[in-house]
């Protein structure tokens, strides 16, 4: 058994084939160092070509570290090669950087292909080179394959990385437009997770049901609790995750109840977080549930205009899909939009 082994790669993104090789390598050495090689310029280009947000080395380190966090003999580190000349000219600098990243010495490199055999042998004379499953017989996948088709290769992506790649659908609107019910229906139909509206239960859970005693701190806390709940929903998402409201709605209610918007809440507003916003128009029957403000149609329309203006102000405009009609029509239109988002072809 080797003392210290190294398994390196871009892991852009990390997948089950990578994990298989990590686990296999970890059984052959006392300590396995997983080294994430990152050239920021190349990473930006790769992600841009794949029409993906930037997958930073920090994200990749988080994902792999979470996956192996209960395996203390596996350590995850980063080798920044942004300032190293491109191969084949920069191998000497890369080798020196690798020795700095793994100063305890490298007894063996573990690799999944033969591309680096001769180069590693040249620059690491005292290190063994162990080749493992170069044919990818158990997990016939590459990071390139995944980047080309995220959703159809979903089962290969490591669990901690899936929130980054899942589609995010926000269901928004004013009171009594069916947001909560539609959110749950969509999540169940698409066999995935959803995040409920924290503000709906906040007063009963923390204020004894008295909505007259809200403070600015309460709305800031709502936004934080909503963000935490959203995060946990995304961790179990199956290709798509649904969100019943967001921080912008919390800010909207701060304006209604407190007479002012809340800058601490607005720090949580992020249009980039969502792929699409299903915005429900207030043209269904208003239903009193003991927590709603006013059911007059004139007021509903004015509040609806205000909320829409806020969404546009914060950069959601091109993601808004206005949905109206009865509950059945809303459901079918929402399904059609989500199907399109996922690239599903349904007759």
Protein backbone atom coordinates (compact mmCIF):
# COMPACT_ATOMS: atom_id res chain seq x y z
CA UNK A 1 0.00 0.00 0.00
CA UNK A 2 1.27 3.46 -0.89
CA UNK A 3 1.64 6.19 1.74
CA UNK A 4 0.36 9.16 -0.34
CA UNK A 5 -1.44 8.94 -3.64
CA UNK A 6 -2.71 11.64 -5.98
CA UNK A 7 -5.74 11.63 -8.25
CA UNK A 8 -6.02 14.83 -10.29
CA UNK A 9 -8.30 16.31 -12.92
CA UNK A 10 -10.51 19.25 -13.79
CA UNK A 11 -13.68 17.57 -12.52
CA UNK A 12 -15.76 19.93 -14.67
CA UNK A 13 -18.13 18.69 -13.32
CA UNK A 14 -17.31 15.80 -10.95
CA UNK A 15 -19.28 12.64 -11.73
CA UNK A 16 -19.73 9.09 -10.53
CA UNK A 17 -16.88 7.84 -12.68
CA UNK A 18 -14.55 10.25 -10.87
CA UNK A 19 -15.93 9.12 -7.53
CA UNK A 20 -15.41 5.46 -8.44
CA UNK A 21 -11.77 6.18 -9.21
CA UNK A 22 -11.32 8.16 -5.99
CA UNK A 23 -12.73 5.33 -3.89
CA UNK A 24 -10.70 2.71 -5.76
CA UNK A 25 -7.50 4.75 -5.33
CA UNK A 26 -8.24 5.37 -1.66
CA UNK A 27 -8.07 1.63 -1.00
CA UNK A 28 -4.51 1.51 -2.34
CA UNK A 29 -2.93 4.21 -0.19
CA UNK A 30 -2.94 5.50 3.36
CA UNK A 31 -3.87 8.98 2.12
CA UNK A 32 -5.37 10.06 -1.16
CA UNK A 33 -5.05 13.69 -2.27
CA UNK A 34 -7.61 14.69 -4.88
CA UNK A 35 -6.14 17.64 -6.78
CA UNK A 36 -8.43 19.92 -8.77
CA UNK A 37 -6.46 21.46 -11.63
CA UNK A 38 -7.89 24.81 -12.65
CA UNK A 39 -6.99 27.33 -15.31
CA UNK A 40 -9.55 30.10 -14.93
CA UNK A 41 -9.34 31.25 -18.54
CA UNK A 42 -9.87 27.73 -19.87
CA UNK A 43 -12.65 27.08 -17.36
CA UNK A 44 -14.46 30.24 -18.45
CA UNK A 45 -14.19 29.22 -22.10
CA UNK A 46 -15.40 25.66 -21.45
CA UNK A 47 -18.41 26.86 -19.47
CA UNK A 48 -19.23 29.54 -22.02
CA UNK A 49 -19.16 27.00 -24.86
CA UNK A 50 -21.45 24.72 -22.87
CA UNK A 51 -23.82 27.65 -22.06
CA UNK A 52 -23.25 27.08 -18.35
CA UNK A 53 -22.57 29.51 -15.50
CA UNK A 54 -18.94 29.55 -14.39
CA UNK A 55 -18.09 26.38 -12.48
CA UNK A 56 -15.37 27.78 -10.23
CA UNK A 57 -12.74 25.64 -8.55
CA UNK A 58 -14.34 26.59 -5.22
CA UNK A 59 -17.61 25.03 -6.31
CA UNK A 60 -15.86 21.87 -7.49
CA UNK A 61 -13.93 21.63 -4.24
CA UNK A 62 -17.15 22.03 -2.25
CA UNK A 63 -18.89 19.31 -4.26
CA UNK A 64 -16.10 16.76 -3.97
CA UNK A 65 -15.37 17.61 -0.32
CA UNK A 66 -19.05 17.13 0.55
CA UNK A 67 -19.09 13.79 -1.26
CA UNK A 68 -16.09 12.43 0.68
CA UNK A 69 -16.49 14.34 3.94
CA UNK A 70 -16.93 11.13 5.94
CA UNK A 71 -13.76 9.62 4.44
CA UNK A 72 -10.96 11.36 6.38
CA UNK A 73 -8.17 9.67 4.42
CA UNK A 74 -9.25 11.59 1.27
CA UNK A 75 -8.14 15.23 1.09
CA UNK A 76 -9.23 17.71 -1.60
CA UNK A 77 -6.85 20.44 -2.79
CA UNK A 78 -6.54 22.86 -5.71
CA UNK A 79 -3.71 23.41 -8.18
CA UNK A 80 -4.05 26.80 -9.87
CA UNK A 81 -2.46 26.56 -13.30
CA UNK A 82 -3.79 29.85 -14.68
CA UNK A 83 -0.29 31.35 -14.90
CA UNK A 84 1.33 28.17 -16.25
CA UNK A 85 2.00 27.96 -20.03
CA UNK A 86 -0.27 25.64 -21.95
CA UNK A 87 0.82 22.06 -22.55
CA UNK A 88 3.21 20.77 -23.63
CA UNK A 89 5.37 23.75 -22.69
CA UNK A 90 4.26 24.15 -19.09
CA UNK A 91 4.75 20.64 -17.72
CA UNK A 92 7.86 21.55 -15.72
CA UNK A 93 6.04 24.40 -13.96
CA UNK A 94 2.99 22.20 -13.44
CA UNK A 95 5.09 19.46 -11.85
CA UNK A 96 6.69 21.98 -9.49
CA UNK A 97 3.27 23.35 -8.56
CA UNK A 98 2.03 19.81 -7.90
CA UNK A 99 4.92 19.22 -5.49
CA UNK A 100 3.94 22.43 -3.67
CA UNK A 101 0.32 21.34 -3.45
CA UNK A 102 1.33 17.90 -2.13
CA UNK A 103 4.46 18.66 -0.08
CA UNK A 104 4.34 15.35 1.80
CA UNK A 105 5.60 13.61 -1.33
CA UNK A 106 3.77 11.57 -3.96
CA UNK A 107 4.21 7.82 -3.94
CA UNK A 108 1.71 7.13 -6.70
CA UNK A 109 -0.48 8.85 -9.25
CA UNK A 110 -3.84 7.27 -10.01
CA UNK A 111 -5.19 7.94 -13.49
CA UNK A 112 -8.21 6.98 -15.52
CA UNK A 113 -6.56 7.28 -18.93
CA UNK A 114 -3.16 6.86 -20.55
CA UNK A 115 -2.69 10.46 -21.71
CA UNK A 116 -0.35 11.40 -18.87
CA UNK A 117 1.71 8.22 -18.44
CA UNK A 118 4.93 9.31 -20.15
CA UNK A 119 4.79 12.89 -18.86
CA UNK A 120 4.26 11.88 -15.23
CA UNK A 121 7.03 9.30 -15.53
CA UNK A 122 9.36 12.00 -16.84
CA UNK A 123 8.73 14.56 -14.08
CA UNK A 124 8.03 12.23 -11.14
CA UNK A 125 10.70 9.56 -11.41
CA UNK A 126 10.05 8.13 -7.94
CA UNK A 127 6.26 7.97 -8.25
CA UNK A 128 4.33 4.94 -9.46
CA UNK A 129 1.57 5.41 -12.01
CA UNK A 130 -1.52 3.32 -11.47
CA UNK A 131 -4.03 3.12 -14.32
CA UNK A 132 -7.63 2.34 -13.43
CA UNK A 133 -10.54 1.48 -15.72
CA UNK A 134 -9.40 3.48 -18.77
CA UNK A 135 -12.27 1.97 -20.78
CA UNK A 136 -14.80 3.49 -18.32
CA UNK A 137 -16.52 0.14 -18.21
CA UNK A 138 -18.56 0.77 -15.07
CA UNK A 139 -19.46 4.42 -15.65
CA UNK A 140 -19.26 5.15 -19.40
CA UNK A 141 -19.32 8.91 -19.02
CA UNK A 142 -17.03 11.93 -19.22
CA UNK A 143 -17.37 15.48 -17.95
CA UNK A 144 -17.54 16.60 -21.59
CA UNK A 145 -20.53 14.30 -22.18
CA UNK A 146 -22.28 15.74 -19.14
CA UNK A 147 -21.68 19.35 -20.18
CA UNK A 148 -23.19 18.58 -23.59
CA UNK A 149 -26.37 17.13 -22.11
CA UNK A 150 -26.86 17.86 -18.43
CA UNK A 151 -30.38 16.56 -17.91
CA UNK A 152 -30.03 13.27 -19.80
CA UNK A 153 -26.86 12.49 -17.87
CA UNK A 154 -28.33 13.59 -14.55
CA UNK A 155 -27.79 10.24 -12.82
CA UNK A 156 -24.02 10.52 -13.34
CA UNK A 157 -23.64 13.93 -11.64
CA UNK A 158 -22.53 13.83 -8.00
CA UNK A 159 -25.33 14.67 -5.57
CA UNK A 160 -23.70 17.80 -4.08
CA UNK A 161 -23.30 19.25 -7.60
CA UNK A 162 -26.90 18.72 -8.68
CA UNK A 163 -28.34 21.92 -7.15
CA UNK A 164 -26.06 23.93 -9.45
CA UNK A 165 -27.34 22.17 -12.56
CA UNK A 166 -31.02 21.76 -11.67
CA UNK A 167 -33.55 24.04 -13.30
CA UNK A 168 -35.15 26.48 -10.86
CA UNK A 169 -38.78 27.48 -11.27
CA UNK A 170 -40.24 30.25 -9.11
CA UNK A 171 -44.01 30.45 -8.67
CA UNK A 172 -44.97 34.03 -7.81
CA UNK A 173 -48.00 36.27 -7.53
CA UNK A 174 -50.09 38.16 -5.02
CA UNK A 175 -52.49 36.69 -2.46
CA UNK A 176 -54.95 33.95 -3.33
CA UNK A 177 -53.69 33.14 -6.81
CA UNK A 178 -53.03 29.46 -6.15
CA UNK A 179 -49.23 29.61 -5.78
CA UNK A 180 -48.89 27.06 -3.00
CA UNK A 181 -51.19 24.49 -4.58
CA UNK A 182 -49.62 24.85 -8.03
CA UNK A 183 -46.11 24.55 -6.56
CA UNK A 184 -46.96 21.27 -4.84
CA UNK A 185 -48.76 19.89 -7.88
CA UNK A 186 -45.84 20.61 -10.17
CA UNK A 187 -43.29 19.14 -7.76
CA UNK A 188 -45.30 15.94 -7.43
CA UNK A 189 -45.87 15.65 -11.18
CA UNK A 190 -42.17 16.12 -11.94
CA UNK A 191 -41.14 13.86 -9.05
CA UNK A 192 -38.97 16.45 -7.37
CA UNK A 193 -38.63 18.76 -4.39
CA UNK A 194 -40.16 22.12 -3.62
CA UNK A 195 -39.71 24.95 -1.15
CA UNK A 196 -42.74 26.32 0.68
CA UNK A 197 -43.39 29.96 1.53
CA UNK A 198 -41.90 30.66 4.96
CA UNK A 199 -43.81 33.91 5.37
CA UNK A 200 -47.14 32.09 5.17
CA UNK A 201 -46.53 30.46 8.55
CA UNK A 202 -44.19 32.96 10.16
CA UNK A 203 -46.77 34.88 12.20
CA UNK A 204 -48.37 31.72 13.62
CA UNK A 205 -44.97 30.15 14.38
CA UNK A 206 -43.21 33.17 15.88
CA UNK A 207 -45.74 35.93 16.65
CA UNK A 208 -48.61 34.05 18.21
CA UNK A 209 -50.62 34.63 15.04
CA UNK A 210 -50.61 38.40 15.50
CA UNK A 211 -49.73 40.05 12.18
CA UNK A 212 -49.90 43.55 13.71
CA UNK A 213 -46.56 43.19 15.50
CA UNK A 214 -44.22 42.51 12.61
CA UNK A 215 -40.85 44.27 12.83
CA UNK A 216 -38.13 44.90 10.25
CA UNK A 217 -36.15 42.13 11.93
CA UNK A 218 -38.97 39.67 11.28
CA UNK A 219 -38.91 40.31 7.54
CA UNK A 220 -35.12 39.99 7.46
CA UNK A 221 -35.41 36.70 9.31
CA UNK A 222 -38.10 35.48 6.89
CA UNK A 223 -35.74 36.10 3.96
CA UNK A 224 -32.96 34.17 5.68
CA UNK A 225 -35.22 31.25 6.60
CA UNK A 226 -36.58 31.18 3.04
CA UNK A 227 -33.05 31.03 1.61
CA UNK A 228 -32.17 28.15 3.94
CA UNK A 229 -35.32 26.25 3.02
CA UNK A 230 -34.66 26.84 -0.69
CA UNK A 231 -31.15 25.44 -0.29
CA UNK A 232 -32.38 22.24 1.31
CA UNK A 233 -35.01 21.81 -1.39
CA UNK A 234 -32.37 22.16 -4.11
CA UNK A 235 -30.18 19.50 -2.50
CA UNK A 236 -32.82 16.86 -3.22
CA UNK A 237 -34.01 18.18 -6.58
CA UNK A 238 -34.56 15.82 -9.50
CA UNK A 239 -33.55 17.95 -12.51
CA UNK A 240 -35.92 20.75 -11.52
CA UNK A 241 -36.87 22.45 -8.25
CA UNK A 242 -39.96 24.56 -7.53
CA UNK A 243 -40.10 27.56 -5.21
CA UNK A 244 -43.27 28.97 -3.70
CA UNK A 245 -42.28 32.66 -3.44
CA UNK A 246 -38.92 34.39 -2.95
CA UNK A 247 -37.24 37.27 -1.13
CA UNK A 248 -38.78 39.83 -3.47
CA UNK A 249 -42.25 38.85 -2.23
CA UNK A 250 -40.96 39.20 1.33
CA UNK A 251 -39.81 42.72 0.46
CA UNK A 252 -43.19 43.41 -1.11
CA UNK A 253 -44.94 42.37 2.14
CA UNK A 254 -42.52 44.48 4.14
CA UNK A 255 -43.73 47.45 2.13
CA UNK A 256 -47.36 46.49 2.79
CA UNK A 257 -47.01 45.88 6.52
CA UNK A 258 -44.20 48.26 7.51
CA UNK A 259 -44.69 50.96 4.92
CA UNK A 260 -41.15 50.54 3.64
CA UNK A 261 -38.91 48.08 1.87
CA UNK A 262 -36.18 46.25 3.75
CA UNK A 263 -32.57 46.49 2.53
CA UNK A 264 -31.61 43.35 4.45
CA UNK A 265 -34.32 41.43 2.62
CA UNK A 266 -33.25 42.89 -0.72
CA UNK A 267 -29.78 41.40 -0.23
CA UNK A 268 -31.42 38.00 -0.81
CA UNK A 269 -33.16 38.99 -4.07
CA UNK A 270 -31.41 37.33 -7.00
CA UNK A 271 -32.97 37.05 -10.45
CA UNK A 272 -30.06 34.87 -11.61
CA UNK A 273 -31.14 32.16 -9.17
CA UNK A 274 -34.16 31.20 -11.30
CA UNK A 275 -34.57 29.95 -14.85
CA UNK A 276 -38.19 30.98 -15.16
CA UNK A 277 -40.86 32.71 -13.07
CA UNK A 278 -44.45 31.48 -13.35
CA UNK A 279 -46.34 34.62 -12.40
CA UNK A 280 -49.98 33.94 -11.50
CA UNK A 281 -52.46 36.69 -12.30
CA UNK A 282 -55.18 37.54 -9.73
CA UNK A 283 -58.12 36.46 -11.90
CA UNK A 284 -59.29 33.49 -9.83
CA UNK A 285 -61.67 33.75 -6.89
CA UNK A 286 -60.18 35.36 -3.78
CA UNK A 287 -60.27 32.93 -0.83
CA UNK A 288 -60.04 34.21 2.74
CA UNK A 289 -57.78 32.12 4.97
CA UNK A 290 -57.40 34.39 7.98
CA UNK A 291 -54.02 35.72 6.84
CA UNK A 292 -54.91 37.75 3.76
CA UNK A 293 -55.25 41.51 3.60
CA UNK A 294 -58.08 42.42 1.28
CA UNK A 295 -60.09 40.66 -1.39
CA UNK A 296 -61.53 43.55 -3.41
CA UNK A 297 -60.69 43.15 -7.10
CA UNK A 298 -59.55 46.73 -7.42
CA UNK A 299 -57.05 46.30 -4.59
CA UNK A 300 -55.91 42.94 -5.96
CA UNK A 301 -55.14 44.50 -9.33
CA UNK A 302 -53.26 47.42 -7.79
CA UNK A 303 -51.16 45.11 -5.62
CA UNK A 304 -50.54 42.87 -8.60
CA UNK A 305 -49.26 45.83 -10.64
CA UNK A 306 -46.98 46.82 -7.76
CA UNK A 307 -45.48 43.34 -7.41
CA UNK A 308 -44.94 43.03 -11.15
CA UNK A 309 -43.18 46.41 -11.17
CA UNK A 310 -40.85 45.20 -8.41
CA UNK A 311 -39.97 42.03 -10.32
CA UNK A 312 -39.10 44.09 -13.37
CA UNK A 313 -37.11 46.56 -11.25
CA UNK A 314 -34.93 43.73 -9.91
CA UNK A 315 -34.18 42.25 -13.33
CA UNK A 316 -36.71 39.41 -13.57
CA UNK A 317 -38.42 40.82 -16.66
CA UNK A 318 -37.22 38.35 -19.28
CA UNK A 319 -37.96 35.39 -16.99
CA UNK A 320 -41.58 36.29 -16.23
CA UNK A 321 -44.27 34.09 -17.74
CA UNK A 322 -47.71 35.53 -16.94
CA UNK A 323 -50.29 32.81 -16.33
CA UNK A 324 -54.03 33.42 -16.06
CA UNK A 325 -57.30 31.54 -16.38
CA UNK A 326 -58.93 28.98 -14.13
CA UNK A 327 -56.93 26.51 -12.03
CA UNK A 328 -56.99 23.83 -14.71
CA UNK A 329 -55.73 26.22 -17.37
CA UNK A 330 -52.97 27.42 -15.02
CA UNK A 331 -51.83 23.89 -14.34
CA UNK A 332 -51.61 22.94 -18.02
CA UNK A 333 -49.82 26.14 -19.00
CA UNK A 334 -47.33 25.69 -16.15
CA UNK A 335 -46.65 22.08 -17.20
CA UNK A 336 -46.10 23.20 -20.79
CA UNK A 337 -43.55 25.82 -19.71
CA UNK A 338 -41.65 23.40 -17.46
CA UNK A 339 -41.67 20.69 -20.14
CA UNK A 340 -40.10 23.20 -22.52
CA UNK A 341 -37.53 24.22 -19.92
CA UNK A 342 -36.50 20.58 -19.47
CA UNK A 343 -36.46 19.89 -23.19
CA UNK A 344 -39.28 17.36 -22.91
CA UNK A 345 -41.39 16.57 -25.95
CA UNK A 346 -44.89 15.65 -24.87
CA UNK A 347 -47.72 14.97 -27.33
